[in-house]
């Protein structure tokens, strides 16, 4: 997980198009300088506030919008045999 600094945020310095859309959404809808922003994976950004409360934002490619959740949903990696 990579933390974005103010310059990264200002210059939209992210790794994927999905992250770009998410960051753009955050910049338009939040006072982004008040939060810590982390790149979690190619389609997810983590945002924490001064109280250490967390939201995860991802980009829904089908609906072309940004969605958020309070926790990352873990993949079920167990298999029935």
PDB file of N, CA and C in Angstrom:
ATOM      1  N   UNK A   1       0.856  -1.169   0.000  1.00  0.00           N
ATOM      2  CA  UNK A   1       0.000   0.000   0.000  1.00  0.00           C
ATOM      3  C   UNK A   1       0.905   1.236   0.000  1.00  0.00           C
ATOM      4  N   UNK A   2       0.606   2.152  -0.886  1.00  0.00           N
ATOM      5  CA  UNK A   2       1.420   3.364  -1.042  1.00  0.00           C
ATOM      6  C   UNK A   2       0.619   4.588  -0.606  1.00  0.00           C
ATOM      7  N   UNK A   3       1.225   5.392   0.263  1.00  0.00           N
ATOM      8  CA  UNK A   3       0.582   6.637   0.692  1.00  0.00           C
ATOM      9  C   UNK A   3       0.871   7.719  -0.342  1.00  0.00           C
ATOM     10  N   UNK A   4      -0.170   8.462  -0.700  1.00  0.00           N
ATOM     11  CA  UNK A   4      -0.002   9.581  -1.625  1.00  0.00           C
ATOM     12  C   UNK A   4       0.295  10.849  -0.832  1.00  0.00           C
ATOM     13  N   UNK A   5       1.327  11.562  -1.236  1.00  0.00           N
ATOM     14  CA  UNK A   5       1.602  12.845  -0.592  1.00  0.00           C
ATOM     15  C   UNK A   5       0.838  13.948  -1.334  1.00  0.00           C
ATOM     16  N   UNK A   6       0.944  15.170  -0.860  1.00  0.00           N
ATOM     17  CA  UNK A   6       0.193  16.283  -1.458  1.00  0.00           C
ATOM     18  C   UNK A   6       0.539  16.486  -2.932  1.00  0.00           C
ATOM     19  N   UNK A   7       1.805  16.321  -3.268  1.00  0.00           N
ATOM     20  CA  UNK A   7       2.219  16.490  -4.662  1.00  0.00           C
ATOM     21  C   UNK A   7       1.630  15.385  -5.550  1.00  0.00           C
ATOM     22  N   UNK A   8       1.630  14.147  -5.057  1.00  0.00           N
ATOM     23  CA  UNK A   8       1.013  13.040  -5.806  1.00  0.00           C
ATOM     24  C   UNK A   8      -0.456  13.336  -6.091  1.00  0.00           C
ATOM     25  N   UNK A   9      -1.141  13.838  -5.079  1.00  0.00           N
ATOM     26  CA  UNK A   9      -2.568  14.140  -5.229  1.00  0.00           C
ATOM     27  C   UNK A   9      -2.768  15.286  -6.215  1.00  0.00           C
ATOM     28  N   UNK A  10      -1.989  16.327  -6.069  1.00  0.00           N
ATOM     29  CA  UNK A  10      -2.095  17.481  -6.961  1.00  0.00           C
ATOM     30  C   UNK A  10      -1.852  17.092  -8.422  1.00  0.00           C
ATOM     31  N   UNK A  11      -0.860  16.240  -8.649  1.00  0.00           N
ATOM     32  CA  UNK A  11      -0.485  15.845 -10.012  1.00  0.00           C
ATOM     33  C   UNK A  11      -1.190  14.571 -10.481  1.00  0.00           C
ATOM     34  N   UNK A  12      -2.141  14.074  -9.683  1.00  0.00           N
ATOM     35  CA  UNK A  12      -2.847  12.827 -10.022  1.00  0.00           C
ATOM     36  C   UNK A  12      -1.867  11.685 -10.287  1.00  0.00           C
ATOM     37  N   UNK A  13      -0.881  11.573  -9.449  1.00  0.00           N
ATOM     38  CA  UNK A  13       0.164  10.566  -9.616  1.00  0.00           C
ATOM     39  C   UNK A  13      -0.300   9.219  -9.057  1.00  0.00           C
ATOM     40  N   UNK A  14      -1.033   8.477  -9.874  1.00  0.00           N
ATOM     41  CA  UNK A  14      -1.541   7.154  -9.513  1.00  0.00           C
ATOM     42  C   UNK A  14      -1.097   6.157 -10.577  1.00  0.00           C
ATOM     43  N   UNK A  15      -1.400   4.878 -10.355  1.00  0.00           N
ATOM     44  CA  UNK A  15      -0.891   3.827 -11.236  1.00  0.00           C
ATOM     45  C   UNK A  15      -1.867   3.372 -12.312  1.00  0.00           C
ATOM     46  N   UNK A  16      -3.166   3.528 -12.086  1.00  0.00           N
ATOM     47  CA  UNK A  16      -4.155   2.990 -13.029  1.00  0.00           C
ATOM     48  C   UNK A  16      -5.226   4.027 -13.354  1.00  0.00           C
ATOM     49  N   UNK A  17      -5.958   3.774 -14.414  1.00  0.00           N
ATOM     50  CA  UNK A  17      -7.074   4.646 -14.797  1.00  0.00           C
ATOM     51  C   UNK A  17      -8.151   4.633 -13.712  1.00  0.00           C
ATOM     52  N   UNK A  18      -8.438   3.462 -13.154  1.00  0.00           N
ATOM     53  CA  UNK A  18      -9.442   3.375 -12.085  1.00  0.00           C
ATOM     54  C   UNK A  18      -9.046   4.240 -10.897  1.00  0.00           C
ATOM     55  N   UNK A  19      -7.787   4.185 -10.500  1.00  0.00           N
ATOM     56  CA  UNK A  19      -7.315   5.019  -9.394  1.00  0.00           C
ATOM     57  C   UNK A  19      -7.437   6.501  -9.740  1.00  0.00           C
ATOM     58  N   UNK A  20      -7.190   6.841 -10.994  1.00  0.00           N
ATOM     59  CA  UNK A  20      -7.333   8.228 -11.435  1.00  0.00           C
ATOM     60  C   UNK A  20      -8.776   8.699 -11.259  1.00  0.00           C
ATOM     61  N   UNK A  21      -9.743   7.881 -11.688  1.00  0.00           N
ATOM     62  CA  UNK A  21     -11.157   8.250 -11.542  1.00  0.00           C
ATOM     63  C   UNK A  21     -11.544   8.404 -10.070  1.00  0.00           C
ATOM     64  N   UNK A  22     -11.042   7.507  -9.239  1.00  0.00           N
ATOM     65  CA  UNK A  22     -11.347   7.583  -7.803  1.00  0.00           C
ATOM     66  C   UNK A  22     -10.754   8.854  -7.204  1.00  0.00           C
ATOM     67  N   UNK A  23      -9.494   9.120  -7.496  1.00  0.00           N
ATOM     68  CA  UNK A  23      -8.842  10.314  -6.954  1.00  0.00           C
ATOM     69  C   UNK A  23      -9.537  11.581  -7.435  1.00  0.00           C
ATOM     70  N   UNK A  24      -9.921  11.616  -8.684  1.00  0.00           N
ATOM     71  CA  UNK A  24     -10.655  12.757  -9.227  1.00  0.00           C
ATOM     72  C   UNK A  24     -11.965  12.961  -8.462  1.00  0.00           C
ATOM     73  N   UNK A  25     -12.675  11.888  -8.209  1.00  0.00           N
ATOM     74  CA  UNK A  25     -13.923  11.942  -7.431  1.00  0.00           C
ATOM     75  C   UNK A  25     -13.653  12.492  -6.024  1.00  0.00           C
ATOM     76  N   UNK A  26     -12.617  11.987  -5.378  1.00  0.00           N
ATOM     77  CA  UNK A  26     -12.289  12.437  -4.022  1.00  0.00           C
ATOM     78  C   UNK A  26     -11.935  13.922  -3.994  1.00  0.00           C
ATOM     79  N   UNK A  27     -11.177  14.369  -4.973  1.00  0.00           N
ATOM     80  CA  UNK A  27     -10.790  15.780  -5.028  1.00  0.00           C
ATOM     81  C   UNK A  27     -11.992  16.691  -5.245  1.00  0.00           C
ATOM     82  N   UNK A  28     -12.976  16.216  -5.977  1.00  0.00           N
ATOM     83  CA  UNK A  28     -14.175  17.019  -6.239  1.00  0.00           C
ATOM     84  C   UNK A  28     -15.159  17.015  -5.070  1.00  0.00           C
ATOM     85  N   UNK A  29     -15.131  15.966  -4.245  1.00  0.00           N
ATOM     86  CA  UNK A  29     -16.157  15.803  -3.219  1.00  0.00           C
ATOM     87  C   UNK A  29     -15.670  15.915  -1.780  1.00  0.00           C
ATOM     88  N   UNK A  30     -14.362  15.939  -1.575  1.00  0.00           N
ATOM     89  CA  UNK A  30     -13.815  16.038  -0.222  1.00  0.00           C
ATOM     90  C   UNK A  30     -12.762  17.136  -0.175  1.00  0.00           C
ATOM     91  N   UNK A  31     -12.521  17.623   1.018  1.00  0.00           N
ATOM     92  CA  UNK A  31     -11.351  18.480   1.219  1.00  0.00           C
ATOM     93  C   UNK A  31     -10.175  17.524   1.416  1.00  0.00           C
ATOM     94  N   UNK A  32      -9.655  17.033   0.316  1.00  0.00           N
ATOM     95  CA  UNK A  32      -8.714  15.914   0.302  1.00  0.00           C
ATOM     96  C   UNK A  32      -7.455  16.172   1.127  1.00  0.00           C
ATOM     97  N   UNK A  33      -7.091  17.420   1.316  1.00  0.00           N
ATOM     98  CA  UNK A  33      -5.888  17.735   2.100  1.00  0.00           C
ATOM     99  C   UNK A  33      -6.051  17.400   3.582  1.00  0.00           C
ATOM    100  N   UNK A  34      -7.277  17.171   4.018  1.00  0.00           N
ATOM    101  CA  UNK A  34      -7.544  16.829   5.416  1.00  0.00           C
ATOM    102  C   UNK A  34      -7.462  15.325   5.687  1.00  0.00           C
ATOM    103  N   UNK A  35      -7.143  14.533   4.669  1.00  0.00           N
ATOM    104  CA  UNK A  35      -7.165  13.081   4.786  1.00  0.00           C
ATOM    105  C   UNK A  35      -5.838  12.475   4.358  1.00  0.00           C
ATOM    106  N   UNK A  36      -5.592  11.258   4.829  1.00  0.00           N
ATOM    107  CA  UNK A  36      -4.491  10.455   4.313  1.00  0.00           C
ATOM    108  C   UNK A  36      -5.061   9.553   3.235  1.00  0.00           C
ATOM    109  N   UNK A  37      -4.379   9.481   2.110  1.00  0.00           N
ATOM    110  CA  UNK A  37      -4.868   8.724   0.958  1.00  0.00           C
ATOM    111  C   UNK A  37      -3.829   7.669   0.590  1.00  0.00           C
ATOM    112  N   UNK A  38      -4.302   6.428   0.415  1.00  0.00           N
ATOM    113  CA  UNK A  38      -3.417   5.307   0.110  1.00  0.00           C
ATOM    114  C   UNK A  38      -3.919   4.546  -1.112  1.00  0.00           C
ATOM    115  N   UNK A  39      -2.996   4.135  -1.972  1.00  0.00           N
ATOM    116  CA  UNK A  39      -3.337   3.242  -3.072  1.00  0.00           C
ATOM    117  C   UNK A  39      -3.283   1.821  -2.523  1.00  0.00           C
ATOM    118  N   UNK A  40      -4.415   1.130  -2.550  1.00  0.00           N
ATOM    119  CA  UNK A  40      -4.487  -0.221  -1.995  1.00  0.00           C
ATOM    120  C   UNK A  40      -4.182  -1.255  -3.071  1.00  0.00           C
ATOM    121  N   UNK A  41      -4.892  -1.166  -4.181  1.00  0.00           N
ATOM    122  CA  UNK A  41      -4.639  -2.032  -5.329  1.00  0.00           C
ATOM    123  C   UNK A  41      -5.056  -1.284  -6.586  1.00  0.00           C
ATOM    124  N   UNK A  42      -5.109  -1.962  -7.708  1.00  0.00           N
ATOM    125  CA  UNK A  42      -5.355  -1.278  -8.981  1.00  0.00           C
ATOM    126  C   UNK A  42      -6.730  -0.634  -9.076  1.00  0.00           C
ATOM    127  N   UNK A  43      -7.652  -1.020  -8.193  1.00  0.00           N
ATOM    128  CA  UNK A  43      -9.008  -0.472  -8.256  1.00  0.00           C
ATOM    129  C   UNK A  43      -9.517  -0.005  -6.894  1.00  0.00           C
ATOM    130  N   UNK A  44      -8.628   0.293  -5.971  1.00  0.00           N
ATOM    131  CA  UNK A  44      -9.097   0.664  -4.633  1.00  0.00           C
ATOM    132  C   UNK A  44      -8.166   1.687  -3.996  1.00  0.00           C
ATOM    133  N   UNK A  45      -8.786   2.683  -3.366  1.00  0.00           N
ATOM    134  CA  UNK A  45      -8.058   3.707  -2.614  1.00  0.00           C
ATOM    135  C   UNK A  45      -8.635   3.765  -1.204  1.00  0.00           C
ATOM    136  N   UNK A  46      -7.734   3.832  -0.233  1.00  0.00           N
ATOM    137  CA  UNK A  46      -8.111   3.922   1.177  1.00  0.00           C
ATOM    138  C   UNK A  46      -7.953   5.366   1.625  1.00  0.00           C
ATOM    139  N   UNK A  47      -8.956   5.871   2.367  1.00  0.00           N
ATOM    140  CA  UNK A  47      -8.919   7.234   2.891  1.00  0.00           C
ATOM    141  C   UNK A  47      -9.121   7.167   4.402  1.00  0.00           C
ATOM    142  N   UNK A  48      -8.213   7.802   5.156  1.00  0.00           N
ATOM    143  CA  UNK A  48      -8.353   7.859   6.607  1.00  0.00           C
ATOM    144  C   UNK A  48      -8.426   9.313   7.050  1.00  0.00           C
ATOM    145  N   UNK A  49      -9.207   9.542   8.093  1.00  0.00           N
ATOM    146  CA  UNK A  49      -9.324  10.904   8.614  1.00  0.00           C
ATOM    147  C   UNK A  49      -8.492  11.057   9.882  1.00  0.00           C
ATOM    148  N   UNK A  50      -8.592  12.217  10.518  1.00  0.00           N
ATOM    149  CA  UNK A  50      -7.779  12.490  11.705  1.00  0.00           C
ATOM    150  C   UNK A  50      -8.161  11.613  12.891  1.00  0.00           C
ATOM    151  N   UNK A  51      -9.352  11.004  12.864  1.00  0.00           N
ATOM    152  CA  UNK A  51      -9.790  10.096  13.923  1.00  0.00           C
ATOM    153  C   UNK A  51      -9.504   8.638  13.579  1.00  0.00           C
ATOM    154  N   UNK A  52      -8.727   8.413  12.552  1.00  0.00           N
ATOM    155  CA  UNK A  52      -8.382   7.077  12.054  1.00  0.00           C
ATOM    156  C   UNK A  52      -9.590   6.277  11.577  1.00  0.00           C
ATOM    157  N   UNK A  53     -10.644   6.968  11.173  1.00  0.00           N
ATOM    158  CA  UNK A  53     -11.776   6.288  10.550  1.00  0.00           C
ATOM    159  C   UNK A  53     -11.437   6.083   9.082  1.00  0.00           C
ATOM    160  N   UNK A  54     -11.859   4.952   8.534  1.00  0.00           N
ATOM    161  CA  UNK A  54     -11.416   4.536   7.206  1.00  0.00           C
ATOM    162  C   UNK A  54     -12.597   4.306   6.278  1.00  0.00           C
ATOM    163  N   UNK A  55     -12.425   4.713   5.030  1.00  0.00           N
ATOM    164  CA  UNK A  55     -13.338   4.344   3.943  1.00  0.00           C
ATOM    165  C   UNK A  55     -12.487   3.872   2.775  1.00  0.00           C
ATOM    166  N   UNK A  56     -13.008   2.879   2.067  1.00  0.00           N
ATOM    167  CA  UNK A  56     -12.350   2.359   0.870  1.00  0.00           C
ATOM    168  C   UNK A  56     -13.190   2.730  -0.339  1.00  0.00           C
ATOM    169  N   UNK A  57     -12.550   3.300  -1.339  1.00  0.00           N
ATOM    170  CA  UNK A  57     -13.240   3.713  -2.559  1.00  0.00           C
ATOM    171  C   UNK A  57     -12.745   2.853  -3.713  1.00  0.00           C
ATOM    172  N   UNK A  58     -13.681   2.445  -4.564  1.00  0.00           N
ATOM    173  CA  UNK A  58     -13.316   1.690  -5.762  1.00  0.00           C
ATOM    174  C   UNK A  58     -14.127   2.208  -6.940  1.00  0.00           C
ATOM    175  N   UNK A  59     -13.672   1.853  -8.128  1.00  0.00           N
ATOM    176  CA  UNK A  59     -14.340   2.307  -9.344  1.00  0.00           C
ATOM    177  C   UNK A  59     -15.102   1.145  -9.956  1.00  0.00           C
ATOM    178  N   UNK A  60     -16.408   1.339 -10.156  1.00  0.00           N
ATOM    179  CA  UNK A  60     -17.269   0.337 -10.779  1.00  0.00           C
ATOM    180  C   UNK A  60     -17.245   0.572 -12.289  1.00  0.00           C
ATOM    181  N   UNK A  61     -16.546  -0.280 -13.004  1.00  0.00           N
ATOM    182  CA  UNK A  61     -16.363  -0.092 -14.449  1.00  0.00           C
ATOM    183  C   UNK A  61     -17.662  -0.272 -15.232  1.00  0.00           C
ATOM    184  N   UNK A  62     -18.533  -1.140 -14.758  1.00  0.00           N
ATOM    185  CA  UNK A  62     -19.807  -1.357 -15.457  1.00  0.00           C
ATOM    186  C   UNK A  62     -20.700  -0.125 -15.391  1.00  0.00           C
ATOM    187  N   UNK A  63     -20.857   0.429 -14.194  1.00  0.00           N
ATOM    188  CA  UNK A  63     -21.733   1.589 -13.996  1.00  0.00           C
ATOM    189  C   UNK A  63     -21.001   2.917 -14.130  1.00  0.00           C
ATOM    190  N   UNK A  64     -19.685   2.850 -14.252  1.00  0.00           N
ATOM    191  CA  UNK A  64     -18.838   4.039 -14.403  1.00  0.00           C
ATOM    192  C   UNK A  64     -19.051   5.061 -13.282  1.00  0.00           C
ATOM    193  N   UNK A  65     -18.969   4.541 -12.054  1.00  0.00           N
ATOM    194  CA  UNK A  65     -19.059   5.438 -10.908  1.00  0.00           C
ATOM    195  C   UNK A  65     -18.177   4.930  -9.773  1.00  0.00           C
ATOM    196  N   UNK A  66     -17.949   5.797  -8.812  1.00  0.00           N
ATOM    197  CA  UNK A  66     -17.127   5.467  -7.654  1.00  0.00           C
ATOM    198  C   UNK A  66     -18.045   5.015  -6.532  1.00  0.00           C
ATOM    199  N   UNK A  67     -17.678   3.907  -5.906  1.00  0.00           N
ATOM    200  CA  UNK A  67     -18.441   3.378  -4.777  1.00  0.00           C
ATOM    201  C   UNK A  67     -17.510   3.299  -3.571  1.00  0.00           C
ATOM    202  N   UNK A  68     -18.100   3.250  -2.383  1.00  0.00           N
ATOM    203  CA  UNK A  68     -17.270   3.160  -1.186  1.00  0.00           C
ATOM    204  C   UNK A  68     -17.825   2.133  -0.224  1.00  0.00           C
ATOM    205  N   UNK A  69     -16.950   1.676   0.660  1.00  0.00           N
ATOM    206  CA  UNK A  69     -17.322   0.720   1.698  1.00  0.00           C
ATOM    207  C   UNK A  69     -16.439   0.969   2.911  1.00  0.00           C
ATOM    208  N   UNK A  70     -16.919   0.528   4.058  1.00  0.00           N
ATOM    209  CA  UNK A  70     -16.167   0.754   5.287  1.00  0.00           C
ATOM    210  C   UNK A  70     -15.086  -0.287   5.514  1.00  0.00           C
ATOM    211  N   UNK A  71     -15.258  -1.473   4.948  1.00  0.00           N
ATOM    212  CA  UNK A  71     -14.271  -2.535   5.093  1.00  0.00           C
ATOM    213  C   UNK A  71     -14.041  -3.193   3.748  1.00  0.00           C
ATOM    214  N   UNK A  72     -12.858  -3.723   3.574  1.00  0.00           N
ATOM    215  CA  UNK A  72     -12.568  -4.464   2.348  1.00  0.00           C
ATOM    216  C   UNK A  72     -13.197  -5.840   2.483  1.00  0.00           C
ATOM    217  N   UNK A  73     -13.924  -6.229   1.476  1.00  0.00           N
ATOM    218  CA  UNK A  73     -14.506  -7.564   1.470  1.00  0.00           C
ATOM    219  C   UNK A  73     -13.421  -8.559   1.096  1.00  0.00           C
ATOM    220  N   UNK A  74     -13.210  -9.522   1.970  1.00  0.00           N
ATOM    221  CA  UNK A  74     -12.182 -10.527   1.729  1.00  0.00           C
ATOM    222  C   UNK A  74     -12.697 -11.575   0.759  1.00  0.00           C
ATOM    223  N   UNK A  75     -11.816 -12.008  -0.108  1.00  0.00           N
ATOM    224  CA  UNK A  75     -12.172 -13.089  -1.015  1.00  0.00           C
ATOM    225  C   UNK A  75     -12.167 -14.402  -0.247  1.00  0.00           C
ATOM    226  N   UNK A  76     -13.138 -15.241  -0.529  1.00  0.00           N
ATOM    227  CA  UNK A  76     -13.185 -16.556   0.091  1.00  0.00           C
ATOM    228  C   UNK A  76     -12.220 -17.459  -0.666  1.00  0.00           C
ATOM    229  N   UNK A  77     -11.123 -17.792  -0.043  1.00  0.00           N
ATOM    230  CA  UNK A  77     -10.086 -18.562  -0.724  1.00  0.00           C
ATOM    231  C   UNK A  77     -10.149 -20.043  -0.383  1.00  0.00           C
ATOM    232  N   UNK A  78     -11.199 -20.463   0.273  1.00  0.00           N
ATOM    233  CA  UNK A  78     -11.331 -21.877   0.598  1.00  0.00           C
ATOM    234  C   UNK A  78     -12.042 -22.590  -0.531  1.00  0.00           C
ATOM    235  N   UNK A  79     -11.681 -23.828  -0.715  1.00  0.00           N
ATOM    236  CA  UNK A  79     -12.306 -24.632  -1.759  1.00  0.00           C
ATOM    237  C   UNK A  79     -12.859 -25.896  -1.130  1.00  0.00           C
ATOM    238  N   UNK A  80     -14.006 -26.300  -1.598  1.00  0.00           N
ATOM    239  CA  UNK A  80     -14.558 -27.562  -1.129  1.00  0.00           C
ATOM    240  C   UNK A  80     -13.890 -28.691  -1.874  1.00  0.00           C
ATOM    241  N   UNK A  81     -13.578 -29.745  -1.157  1.00  0.00           N
ATOM    242  CA  UNK A  81     -12.946 -30.896  -1.807  1.00  0.00           C
ATOM    243  C   UNK A  81     -13.827 -32.100  -1.714  1.00  0.00           C
TER     244      UNK A  81
END
